Amino acid sequence: MTIAIITGASVGIGEATARAFQDGGYEVVNLSRRSCQVDGVHNLPCDLADPDSISDASDALLSHVHGLSEICLVHNASQMRKDSADNCEDGSLRAVMETNVIAVNRLTRTLLPGMGPGSSVLFVGSTLSEKAVPNTFSYVVSKHAQLGMMRSTCQDLMGSGIHTAMVCPGFTDTEMLRNHLGNDENLLQQISAMNSFGRLIEPEEIASVLYWAHRNPVVNGAVLHANLGQRES
């Protein structure tokens, strides 16, 4: 049995990744509050900010995974808020970490017993997994944490036949990015000029990297930069 379990596969990179694995012959499960519109994807409603919802989804997944299967677990869903070190309330940071870090940990821990050799745990990071920009404090903190989780998971799973990797997209044309920028077309044009191709990345481009990373364990523990050669300031 070959399964791709993707969080947040209802839109953007997650939806494109669902389609890539579906086209590759994988059974695909979407964990999200909203449904994935890709034909054939199994939608399992899940609010990643709610521990009880994750527990229910995990129980359903475990009953679906029989024995040791080849599973690609893609941690894609994230919260991104506008905040800074001097105005990020504890509750807001806790909420972001609940979705971006705690839910990731819970799903990985729950599913690992059913993951056989050839499986992978993939993280959709960001250029902000290794750097920072102003006014994205909680997102930056959580993406740095995900990077540590990916590397630590790699070390803890040595010899299991399960590999990890983090794909770090640059500015990708997604609902989350557009909402974060207030759907300001001028800002979108400005950030499009910040790589050597002068355009936003398409979600399908990131999906193809994730699909490749699952099928190539040589990248175990690696950070894969998928940003069209982003300009450094």
Protein backbone atom coordinates (compact mmCIF):
# COMPACT_ATOMS: atom_id res chain seq x y z
CA MET A 1 0.00 0.00 0.00
CA THR A 2 1.38 3.41 -0.97
CA ILE A 3 -0.24 6.41 0.66
CA ALA A 4 0.42 10.14 0.71
CA ILE A 5 -1.04 11.90 3.76
CA ILE A 6 -0.99 15.67 3.26
CA THR A 7 -2.07 18.36 5.70
CA GLY A 8 -3.78 21.37 4.19
CA ALA A 9 -4.28 19.81 0.75
CA SER A 10 -7.37 21.93 0.09
CA VAL A 11 -5.51 24.81 -1.60
CA GLY A 12 -2.14 25.97 -2.90
CA ILE A 13 0.93 23.81 -2.48
CA GLY A 14 -1.05 21.14 -0.63
CA GLU A 15 -3.62 20.76 -3.40
CA ALA A 16 -0.90 20.66 -6.08
CA THR A 17 0.95 18.02 -4.04
CA ALA A 18 -2.20 15.92 -3.74
CA ARG A 19 -2.55 16.01 -7.51
CA ALA A 20 1.12 15.08 -8.04
CA PHE A 21 0.89 12.01 -5.81
CA GLN A 22 -2.51 11.06 -7.23
CA ASP A 23 -1.04 11.18 -10.73
CA GLY A 24 1.83 9.02 -9.46
CA GLY A 25 -0.54 6.26 -8.43
CA TYR A 26 -0.63 6.95 -4.70
CA GLU A 27 -3.70 6.87 -2.52
CA VAL A 28 -3.99 10.42 -1.16
CA VAL A 29 -5.52 11.57 2.13
CA ASN A 30 -6.12 15.25 2.87
CA LEU A 31 -6.16 16.41 6.51
CA SER A 32 -7.80 19.81 6.49
CA ARG A 33 -10.86 21.77 7.56
CA ARG A 34 -11.68 22.26 3.87
CA SER A 35 -11.99 19.56 1.25
CA CYS A 36 -9.48 18.96 -1.52
CA GLN A 37 -11.15 19.22 -4.92
CA VAL A 38 -8.77 16.80 -6.67
CA ASP A 39 -10.81 13.81 -7.85
CA GLY A 40 -10.15 10.65 -5.87
CA VAL A 41 -8.56 12.29 -2.83
CA HIS A 42 -9.94 11.05 0.47
CA ASN A 43 -10.85 14.03 2.67
CA LEU A 44 -10.51 13.55 6.40
CA PRO A 45 -11.81 16.67 8.18
CA CYS A 46 -9.28 17.90 10.72
CA ASP A 47 -8.63 21.15 12.54
CA LEU A 48 -4.90 21.10 13.22
CA ALA A 49 -5.33 23.72 15.93
CA ASP A 50 -7.61 21.37 17.88
CA PRO A 51 -5.95 18.43 19.71
CA ASP A 52 -9.23 16.50 19.89
CA SER A 53 -9.76 16.86 16.15
CA ILE A 54 -6.22 15.60 15.49
CA SER A 55 -6.81 12.61 17.79
CA ASP A 56 -10.00 11.70 15.90
CA ALA A 57 -8.23 12.03 12.55
CA SER A 58 -5.27 9.99 13.79
CA ASP A 59 -7.57 7.17 14.93
CA ALA A 60 -9.21 7.14 11.51
CA LEU A 61 -5.84 7.08 9.77
CA LEU A 62 -4.54 4.23 11.92
CA SER A 63 -7.57 2.12 11.06
CA HIS A 64 -6.88 2.87 7.39
CA VAL A 65 -3.18 1.96 7.47
CA HIS A 66 -2.78 -1.78 7.81
CA GLY A 67 0.64 -3.01 8.91
CA LEU A 68 3.77 -1.33 7.63
CA SER A 69 2.99 0.69 4.54
CA GLU A 70 4.93 3.03 2.30
CA ILE A 71 3.64 6.37 3.52
CA CYS A 72 4.62 9.88 2.56
CA LEU A 73 3.57 12.23 5.35
CA VAL A 74 3.66 15.82 4.11
CA HIS A 75 3.46 18.50 6.79
CA ASN A 76 2.18 21.34 4.64
CA ALA A 77 -0.48 23.23 6.59
CA SER A 78 0.66 26.34 8.48
CA GLN A 79 -0.64 29.45 10.13
CA MET A 80 0.99 32.75 9.14
CA ARG A 81 0.21 35.91 11.09
CA LYS A 82 1.44 39.47 10.95
CA ASP A 83 3.23 40.06 14.24
CA SER A 84 6.56 41.10 15.68
CA ALA A 85 8.71 40.43 18.73
CA ASP A 86 7.28 43.44 20.53
CA ASN A 87 3.59 42.74 19.88
CA CYS A 88 3.16 38.95 19.70
CA GLU A 89 0.91 37.94 22.58
CA ASP A 90 1.62 34.62 24.27
CA GLY A 91 -1.77 33.25 23.23
CA SER A 92 -1.18 34.13 19.60
CA LEU A 93 2.25 32.50 19.57
CA ARG A 94 0.81 29.45 21.29
CA ALA A 95 -1.92 29.17 18.64
CA VAL A 96 0.59 29.32 15.80
CA MET A 97 2.85 26.77 17.46
CA GLU A 98 -0.15 24.48 18.05
CA THR A 99 -0.77 24.25 14.30
CA ASN A 100 2.76 24.60 12.94
CA VAL A 101 4.69 22.53 15.49
CA ILE A 102 2.59 20.59 18.02
CA ALA A 103 0.22 19.16 15.40
CA VAL A 104 3.23 18.16 13.30
CA ASN A 105 4.74 16.33 16.25
CA ARG A 106 1.47 14.60 17.14
CA LEU A 107 0.80 13.34 13.62
CA THR A 108 4.36 12.13 13.10
CA ARG A 109 4.44 10.31 16.44
CA THR A 110 1.07 8.68 15.79
CA LEU A 111 1.79 7.51 12.25
CA LEU A 112 5.39 6.33 12.58
CA PRO A 113 4.45 2.85 13.86
CA GLY A 114 2.57 2.21 10.61
CA MET A 115 5.29 3.55 8.33
CA GLY A 116 7.45 0.96 6.64
CA PRO A 117 10.72 1.21 4.71
CA GLY A 118 10.43 3.59 1.79
CA SER A 119 8.29 5.98 3.82
CA SER A 120 9.14 9.63 4.34
CA VAL A 121 8.28 12.57 6.58
CA LEU A 122 8.43 15.75 4.53
CA PHE A 123 8.14 19.31 5.78
CA VAL A 124 7.04 22.28 3.70
CA GLY A 125 9.25 24.94 5.20
CA SER A 126 10.08 28.38 3.89
CA THR A 127 13.04 30.59 3.19
CA LEU A 128 12.09 31.81 6.69
CA SER A 129 13.09 28.43 8.12
CA GLU A 130 16.68 29.68 8.03
CA LYS A 131 16.37 33.48 8.03
CA ALA A 132 13.95 36.17 9.14
CA VAL A 133 12.16 39.25 7.89
CA PRO A 134 10.22 41.83 9.91
CA ASN A 135 6.62 41.33 11.04
CA THR A 136 6.40 37.54 10.73
CA PHE A 137 7.67 36.70 14.22
CA SER A 138 5.53 33.66 15.14
CA TYR A 139 5.78 32.16 11.63
CA VAL A 140 9.57 32.48 11.62
CA VAL A 141 9.82 30.91 15.08
CA SER A 142 7.61 27.99 14.04
CA LYS A 143 9.44 27.36 10.75
CA HIS A 144 12.80 27.34 12.54
CA ALA A 145 11.28 24.80 14.93
CA GLN A 146 10.10 22.64 12.02
CA LEU A 147 13.63 22.60 10.63
CA GLY A 148 14.90 21.29 13.96
CA MET A 149 12.15 18.68 14.00
CA MET A 150 13.08 17.48 10.52
CA ARG A 151 16.75 17.11 11.40
CA SER A 152 16.07 15.47 14.75
CA THR A 153 13.59 13.05 13.18
CA CYS A 154 16.22 12.09 10.63
CA GLN A 155 18.66 11.20 13.40
CA ASP A 156 16.10 9.32 15.48
CA LEU A 157 14.96 7.19 12.53
CA MET A 158 18.43 6.05 11.42
CA GLY A 159 18.25 2.48 10.13
CA SER A 160 14.45 2.44 9.80
CA GLY A 161 14.32 2.98 6.06
CA ILE A 162 12.28 6.14 6.64
CA HIS A 163 13.75 9.43 5.47
CA THR A 164 13.03 13.10 6.07
CA ALA A 165 13.54 16.32 4.15
CA MET A 166 12.39 19.92 4.22
CA VAL A 167 11.43 21.75 1.03
CA CYS A 168 11.77 25.51 1.46
CA PRO A 169 9.75 27.42 -1.14
CA GLY A 170 10.41 31.00 -2.06
CA PHE A 171 7.52 33.34 -2.80
CA THR A 172 4.83 31.02 -4.15
CA ASP A 173 1.52 32.06 -5.66
CA THR A 174 -0.76 30.80 -2.89
CA GLU A 175 -3.82 31.99 -1.04
CA MET A 176 -1.75 32.32 2.14
CA LEU A 177 0.81 34.62 0.53
CA ARG A 178 -1.83 36.77 -1.18
CA ASN A 179 -3.79 37.12 2.06
CA HIS A 180 -0.63 37.96 4.00
CA LEU A 181 0.10 40.77 1.54
CA GLY A 182 -3.48 42.01 1.59
CA ASN A 183 -3.92 41.04 -2.07
CA ASP A 184 -1.84 44.09 -2.95
CA GLU A 185 -0.80 43.62 -6.60
CA ASN A 186 2.03 46.14 -6.27
CA LEU A 187 3.55 44.16 -3.41
CA LEU A 188 3.13 40.94 -5.34
CA GLN A 189 5.00 42.44 -8.28
CA GLN A 190 7.77 43.65 -5.98
CA ILE A 191 8.37 40.25 -4.43
CA SER A 192 8.11 38.59 -7.85
CA ALA A 193 11.20 40.58 -8.82
CA MET A 194 13.18 39.14 -5.91
CA ASN A 195 14.38 36.04 -7.77
CA SER A 196 16.35 35.53 -10.94
CA PHE A 197 13.24 34.64 -12.98
CA GLY A 198 11.17 37.65 -11.95
CA ARG A 199 7.99 35.73 -11.15
CA LEU A 200 6.14 33.97 -8.38
CA ILE A 201 6.72 30.24 -8.02
CA GLU A 202 3.82 28.01 -9.03
CA PRO A 203 2.48 25.56 -6.42
CA GLU A 204 2.96 22.74 -8.92
CA GLU A 205 6.69 23.41 -8.94
CA ILE A 206 6.92 22.86 -5.20
CA ALA A 207 4.70 19.78 -5.47
CA SER A 208 7.09 18.22 -7.97
CA VAL A 209 10.01 18.74 -5.58
CA LEU A 210 8.07 17.10 -2.74
CA TYR A 211 7.17 14.14 -4.95
CA TRP A 212 10.81 13.77 -5.97
CA ALA A 213 12.03 14.08 -2.37
CA HIS A 214 9.79 11.23 -1.26
CA ARG A 215 11.10 8.95 -3.98
CA ASN A 216 14.78 9.78 -3.37
CA PRO A 217 15.97 8.93 0.16
CA VAL A 218 19.45 10.18 -0.69
CA VAL A 219 18.20 13.59 0.53
CA ASN A 220 17.61 12.24 4.05
CA GLY A 221 17.89 15.12 6.52
CA ALA A 222 18.38 17.70 3.77
CA VAL A 223 16.98 21.17 3.24
CA LEU A 224 15.94 21.68 -0.38
CA HIS A 225 15.73 25.32 -1.45
CA ALA A 226 13.05 25.82 -4.10
CA ASN A 227 13.08 29.56 -4.65
CA LEU A 228 14.18 30.27 -8.27
CA GLY A 229 17.42 31.75 -6.94
CA GLN A 230 16.12 34.28 -4.46
CA ARG A 231 17.95 37.61 -4.30
CA GLU A 232 19.73 38.11 -0.98
CA SER A 233 19.50 41.55 0.58
